[in-house]
Amino acid sequence: MTAAHWTDRGWVRIAAPAALGVAALALWEVGVRALEIQPYLLPAPSAILAQLQAAIAGVAQAALATGRNAFVGLLLGAVVAVVVAALAARVRWLDQVVAPLVAAIAVVPIVALAPVLQTMYGATSEMPRIIVVAIASFVPVFITTLRGLRQVRPVHRDLMRAYGASGWQATRMVTMPGAVPFVFAGLTIASSVAVISAIVAEYFGGLQNGLGSRIASAAAQSGYARAWAYVVAAIALGLIFYTVTLLLERLASRWARIPVG
């Protein structure tokens, strides 16, 4: 059996990074113990795992709260981005108006926006965190979607005109299917950005129910291993969002049969 045959197997693509991760954790554990690194600098993986097991209910609850905000914000930002990109692709003057606004939104710092929104909506509202996630998710989805909408081959567009199709029919049957890979390219980026943005937004007051606030609270109380346990949960949450996005992309690619070129 050739090496290529083994490499083509799906389990190899999973086992290889898993083995690398286990080796890195083992090296981390040995290094912390051998060098006697203090927990406030870097706790050992075994200590983090112990804290994760001890507080699994609280970690799951915090991850659910953060994941809910990230999901709602991602969905809101993505829908608005696709709609605005579709309009900008069809209306030239709107494209010229939206382009500088998107550039401005792209450089808005979350650390400056989150406390302002928190003051506006109050300490008991999740809306500031959702808005932060939506803004952060909007930019990559808009940029890639707009690019995809402009990638339609002229022959396809001319063919639809020859058949007497309306502008909406051409958009629905040709333009949008061709833009699907670009939309999901933006969503893949936005899925990770959404989780990061939701966690960062939780550092600036509000309900103490998410991973960001729990990390800050544990670190402030010198519970460094516990803080890292919440960090592990944040990593797992980001991977879940990323994996689900890839699965949705595969499902959507079966519907979009129009080649991009």
Protein backbone atom coordinates (compact mmCIF):
# COMPACT_ATOMS: atom_id res chain seq x y z
CA MET A 1 0.00 0.00 0.00
CA THR A 2 1.57 3.28 -1.13
CA ALA A 3 2.17 6.37 0.99
CA ALA A 4 -0.10 8.35 -1.32
CA HIS A 5 -2.94 5.97 -0.52
CA TRP A 6 -2.50 6.54 3.20
CA THR A 7 -2.19 10.30 2.74
CA ASP A 8 -5.46 10.44 0.80
CA ARG A 9 -7.32 8.94 3.72
CA GLY A 10 -9.32 11.42 5.77
CA TRP A 11 -8.16 10.07 9.10
CA VAL A 12 -4.55 10.91 8.29
CA ARG A 13 -5.45 14.57 7.89
CA ILE A 14 -7.00 14.42 11.35
CA ALA A 15 -4.43 12.23 13.06
CA ALA A 16 -1.41 14.25 11.94
CA PRO A 17 -2.42 17.57 13.56
CA ALA A 18 -3.81 15.69 16.58
CA ALA A 19 -0.46 13.99 17.11
CA LEU A 20 1.33 17.30 16.75
CA GLY A 21 -1.01 18.84 19.33
CA VAL A 22 -0.40 16.01 21.81
CA ALA A 23 3.35 16.38 21.35
CA ALA A 24 3.12 20.13 21.93
CA LEU A 25 1.10 19.62 25.11
CA ALA A 26 3.59 17.04 26.38
CA LEU A 27 6.47 19.41 25.69
CA TRP A 28 4.57 22.19 27.43
CA GLU A 29 3.96 20.03 30.51
CA VAL A 30 7.57 18.88 30.72
CA GLY A 31 8.90 22.39 30.13
CA VAL A 32 6.76 23.96 32.87
CA ARG A 33 7.79 21.34 35.40
CA ALA A 34 11.47 21.21 34.44
CA LEU A 35 11.93 24.97 34.35
CA GLU A 36 9.65 25.52 37.38
CA ILE A 37 7.63 28.17 35.58
CA GLN A 38 5.22 29.92 37.91
CA PRO A 39 1.46 29.55 37.23
CA TYR A 40 0.99 33.29 36.74
CA LEU A 41 3.38 33.07 33.79
CA LEU A 42 2.21 29.78 32.32
CA PRO A 43 0.26 27.02 34.12
CA ALA A 44 0.82 23.40 33.19
CA PRO A 45 -1.69 21.66 30.90
CA SER A 46 -2.49 19.21 33.70
CA ALA A 47 -3.49 22.10 35.99
CA ILE A 48 -5.62 23.61 33.24
CA LEU A 49 -7.32 20.27 32.60
CA ALA A 50 -8.03 19.86 36.32
CA GLN A 51 -9.67 23.28 36.46
CA LEU A 52 -11.61 22.53 33.30
CA GLN A 53 -12.99 19.33 34.79
CA ALA A 54 -13.80 21.01 38.11
CA ALA A 55 -15.69 23.91 36.52
CA ILE A 56 -17.06 22.21 33.41
CA ALA A 57 -20.64 23.35 34.09
CA GLY A 58 -19.63 26.98 34.45
CA VAL A 59 -17.34 26.78 31.42
CA ALA A 60 -20.13 25.31 29.28
CA GLN A 61 -22.56 27.98 30.46
CA ALA A 62 -20.10 30.76 29.66
CA ALA A 63 -19.32 29.26 26.26
CA LEU A 64 -23.04 29.06 25.48
CA ALA A 65 -23.53 32.74 26.37
CA THR A 66 -20.59 33.85 24.24
CA GLY A 67 -21.56 31.52 21.42
CA ARG A 68 -25.10 32.87 21.36
CA ASN A 69 -23.88 36.47 21.01
CA ALA A 70 -21.33 35.45 18.39
CA PHE A 71 -23.92 33.54 16.37
CA VAL A 72 -26.57 36.28 16.40
CA GLY A 73 -23.99 38.95 15.58
CA LEU A 74 -22.45 36.85 12.81
CA LEU A 75 -25.85 36.11 11.27
CA LEU A 76 -26.89 39.77 11.43
CA GLY A 77 -23.61 41.06 10.01
CA ALA A 78 -23.52 38.46 7.24
CA VAL A 79 -27.11 39.07 6.10
CA VAL A 80 -26.61 42.83 5.99
CA ALA A 81 -23.28 42.39 4.19
CA VAL A 82 -24.75 40.16 1.47
CA VAL A 83 -27.73 42.48 0.91
CA VAL A 84 -25.58 45.62 0.76
CA ALA A 85 -23.06 43.90 -1.54
CA ALA A 86 -25.84 42.77 -3.89
CA LEU A 87 -27.17 46.32 -4.09
CA ALA A 88 -23.70 47.81 -4.53
CA ALA A 89 -22.95 45.37 -7.36
CA ARG A 90 -26.04 46.53 -9.26
CA VAL A 91 -26.03 50.27 -8.46
CA ARG A 92 -22.78 52.04 -9.28
CA TRP A 93 -23.41 55.22 -7.27
CA LEU A 94 -24.29 53.14 -4.21
CA ASP A 95 -21.02 51.26 -4.59
CA GLN A 96 -19.13 54.54 -4.60
CA VAL A 97 -20.94 55.67 -1.45
CA VAL A 98 -20.58 52.38 0.44
CA ALA A 99 -16.88 51.77 -0.33
CA PRO A 100 -15.47 54.52 1.95
CA LEU A 101 -17.96 53.62 4.69
CA VAL A 102 -16.82 50.00 4.67
CA ALA A 103 -13.20 51.14 4.78
CA ALA A 104 -14.03 53.24 7.85
CA ILE A 105 -15.88 50.37 9.53
CA ALA A 106 -12.93 48.05 8.90
CA VAL A 107 -10.63 50.17 11.07
CA VAL A 108 -13.04 50.76 13.96
CA PRO A 109 -11.28 49.38 17.09
CA ILE A 110 -13.43 47.02 19.14
CA VAL A 111 -11.80 48.19 22.37
CA ALA A 112 -13.08 51.70 21.68
CA LEU A 113 -16.53 50.75 20.38
CA ALA A 114 -17.51 48.17 23.02
CA PRO A 115 -17.48 50.49 26.09
CA VAL A 116 -19.38 53.20 24.19
CA LEU A 117 -22.14 50.77 23.23
CA GLN A 118 -22.16 49.35 26.75
CA THR A 119 -22.85 52.82 28.14
CA MET A 120 -25.62 53.38 25.59
CA TYR A 121 -27.51 50.13 26.15
CA GLY A 122 -26.82 49.51 29.83
CA ALA A 123 -25.13 46.81 31.86
CA THR A 124 -27.90 44.21 31.50
CA SER A 125 -28.15 44.20 27.71
CA GLU A 126 -26.42 41.81 25.36
CA MET A 127 -27.04 44.14 22.41
CA PRO A 128 -23.63 45.92 22.61
CA ARG A 129 -21.81 42.63 22.21
CA ILE A 130 -24.05 41.55 19.33
CA ILE A 131 -23.51 44.87 17.55
CA VAL A 132 -19.74 44.58 17.97
CA VAL A 133 -19.78 41.08 16.46
CA ALA A 134 -22.06 42.20 13.62
CA ILE A 135 -19.76 45.08 12.71
CA ALA A 136 -16.67 42.90 12.83
CA SER A 137 -18.35 40.20 10.71
CA PHE A 138 -19.81 42.62 8.18
CA VAL A 139 -16.53 43.71 6.58
CA PRO A 140 -15.02 40.37 5.40
CA VAL A 141 -18.37 39.05 4.17
CA PHE A 142 -19.14 42.27 2.29
CA ILE A 143 -15.74 42.47 0.60
CA THR A 144 -15.66 38.87 -0.59
CA THR A 145 -19.33 38.83 -1.60
CA LEU A 146 -18.97 41.99 -3.67
CA ARG A 147 -15.93 40.51 -5.38
CA GLY A 148 -17.84 37.31 -6.12
CA LEU A 149 -20.79 39.20 -7.57
CA ARG A 150 -18.42 40.86 -10.02
CA GLN A 151 -16.88 37.58 -11.18
CA VAL A 152 -19.77 36.43 -13.36
CA ARG A 153 -18.65 35.53 -16.88
CA PRO A 154 -20.00 37.91 -19.54
CA VAL A 155 -21.21 34.94 -21.61
CA HIS A 156 -23.52 33.87 -18.77
CA ARG A 157 -24.88 37.38 -18.39
CA ASP A 158 -25.43 37.71 -22.14
CA LEU A 159 -27.15 34.34 -22.26
CA MET A 160 -29.64 35.40 -19.59
CA ARG A 161 -30.37 38.60 -21.52
CA ALA A 162 -30.93 36.57 -24.68
CA TYR A 163 -33.51 34.50 -22.83
CA GLY A 164 -35.24 37.68 -21.70
CA ALA A 165 -34.55 37.10 -18.02
CA SER A 166 -35.20 39.95 -15.61
CA GLY A 167 -32.46 41.47 -13.49
CA TRP A 168 -33.66 39.55 -10.42
CA GLN A 169 -33.79 36.27 -12.33
CA ALA A 170 -30.25 36.77 -13.61
CA THR A 171 -29.08 37.59 -10.08
CA ARG A 172 -30.83 34.57 -8.57
CA MET A 173 -29.86 32.02 -11.24
CA VAL A 174 -26.37 33.15 -12.26
CA THR A 175 -24.85 35.90 -10.14
CA MET A 176 -25.63 34.59 -6.67
CA PRO A 177 -24.70 30.92 -7.35
CA GLY A 178 -21.38 32.10 -8.80
CA ALA A 179 -20.76 34.26 -5.73
CA VAL A 180 -21.41 31.46 -3.21
CA PRO A 181 -17.73 30.42 -2.84
CA PHE A 182 -16.81 34.05 -2.23
CA VAL A 183 -19.57 34.49 0.33
CA PHE A 184 -18.34 31.49 2.29
CA ALA A 185 -14.74 32.66 2.02
CA GLY A 186 -15.86 35.76 3.90
CA LEU A 187 -17.95 33.72 6.32
CA THR A 188 -14.97 31.49 7.10
CA ILE A 189 -13.02 34.54 8.18
CA ALA A 190 -16.00 36.11 9.93
CA SER A 191 -16.78 32.96 11.93
CA SER A 192 -13.49 33.21 13.79
CA VAL A 193 -13.66 36.99 14.03
CA ALA A 194 -17.15 36.71 15.54
CA VAL A 195 -15.98 34.61 18.47
CA ILE A 196 -12.96 36.82 19.10
CA SER A 197 -15.08 39.98 18.95
CA ALA A 198 -17.69 38.57 21.32
CA ILE A 199 -15.02 37.64 23.86
CA VAL A 200 -13.24 41.01 23.64
CA ALA A 201 -16.54 42.88 24.01
CA GLU A 202 -17.19 41.03 27.27
CA TYR A 203 -14.14 42.63 28.88
CA PHE A 204 -15.89 46.01 29.06
CA GLY A 205 -18.58 45.49 31.66
CA GLY A 206 -22.10 44.20 31.24
CA LEU A 207 -23.34 40.78 32.25
CA GLN A 208 -20.63 38.55 33.72
CA ASN A 209 -21.84 35.46 31.90
CA GLY A 210 -19.46 35.00 28.97
CA LEU A 211 -15.99 33.60 28.44
CA GLY A 212 -14.35 37.02 28.21
CA SER A 213 -15.67 38.22 31.54
CA ARG A 214 -14.86 34.87 33.18
CA ILE A 215 -11.28 34.99 31.91
CA ALA A 216 -10.82 38.51 33.25
CA SER A 217 -12.40 37.61 36.59
CA ALA A 218 -10.31 34.45 37.06
CA ALA A 219 -7.08 36.27 36.19
CA ALA A 220 -7.92 39.11 38.59
CA GLN A 221 -8.40 36.56 41.37
CA SER A 222 -5.06 34.86 40.57
CA GLY A 223 -6.88 31.80 39.24
CA TYR A 224 -4.56 31.49 36.29
CA ALA A 225 -5.23 27.83 35.51
CA ARG A 226 -8.96 28.53 35.67
CA ALA A 227 -8.53 31.49 33.30
CA TRP A 228 -6.70 29.22 30.87
CA ALA A 229 -9.54 26.70 31.15
CA TYR A 230 -11.88 29.39 29.83
CA VAL A 231 -9.34 30.15 27.10
CA VAL A 232 -9.46 26.50 26.05
CA ALA A 233 -13.25 26.77 25.88
CA ALA A 234 -12.90 29.88 23.70
CA ILE A 235 -10.60 27.99 21.32
CA ALA A 236 -13.08 25.11 21.14
CA LEU A 237 -15.92 27.53 20.44
CA GLY A 238 -13.97 29.16 17.62
CA LEU A 239 -13.22 25.76 16.09
CA ILE A 240 -16.91 24.82 16.25
CA PHE A 241 -17.90 28.00 14.41
CA TYR A 242 -15.19 27.41 11.81
CA THR A 243 -16.12 23.75 11.27
CA VAL A 244 -19.83 24.47 10.95
CA THR A 245 -19.06 27.16 8.36
CA LEU A 246 -17.03 24.67 6.31
CA LEU A 247 -19.85 22.12 6.45
CA LEU A 248 -22.39 24.72 5.32
CA GLU A 249 -20.06 25.67 2.47
CA ARG A 250 -20.02 22.07 1.25
CA LEU A 251 -23.80 21.92 1.33
CA ALA A 252 -24.13 25.24 -0.48
CA SER A 253 -21.59 24.21 -3.14
CA ARG A 254 -23.95 21.42 -4.22
CA TRP A 255 -26.57 24.04 -4.98
CA ALA A 256 -24.21 26.49 -6.72
CA ARG A 257 -23.21 24.84 -9.99
CA ILE A 258 -22.22 27.96 -11.89
CA PRO A 259 -18.43 27.99 -12.38
CA VAL A 260 -16.46 31.08 -11.43
CA GLY A 261 -13.92 32.46 -13.86
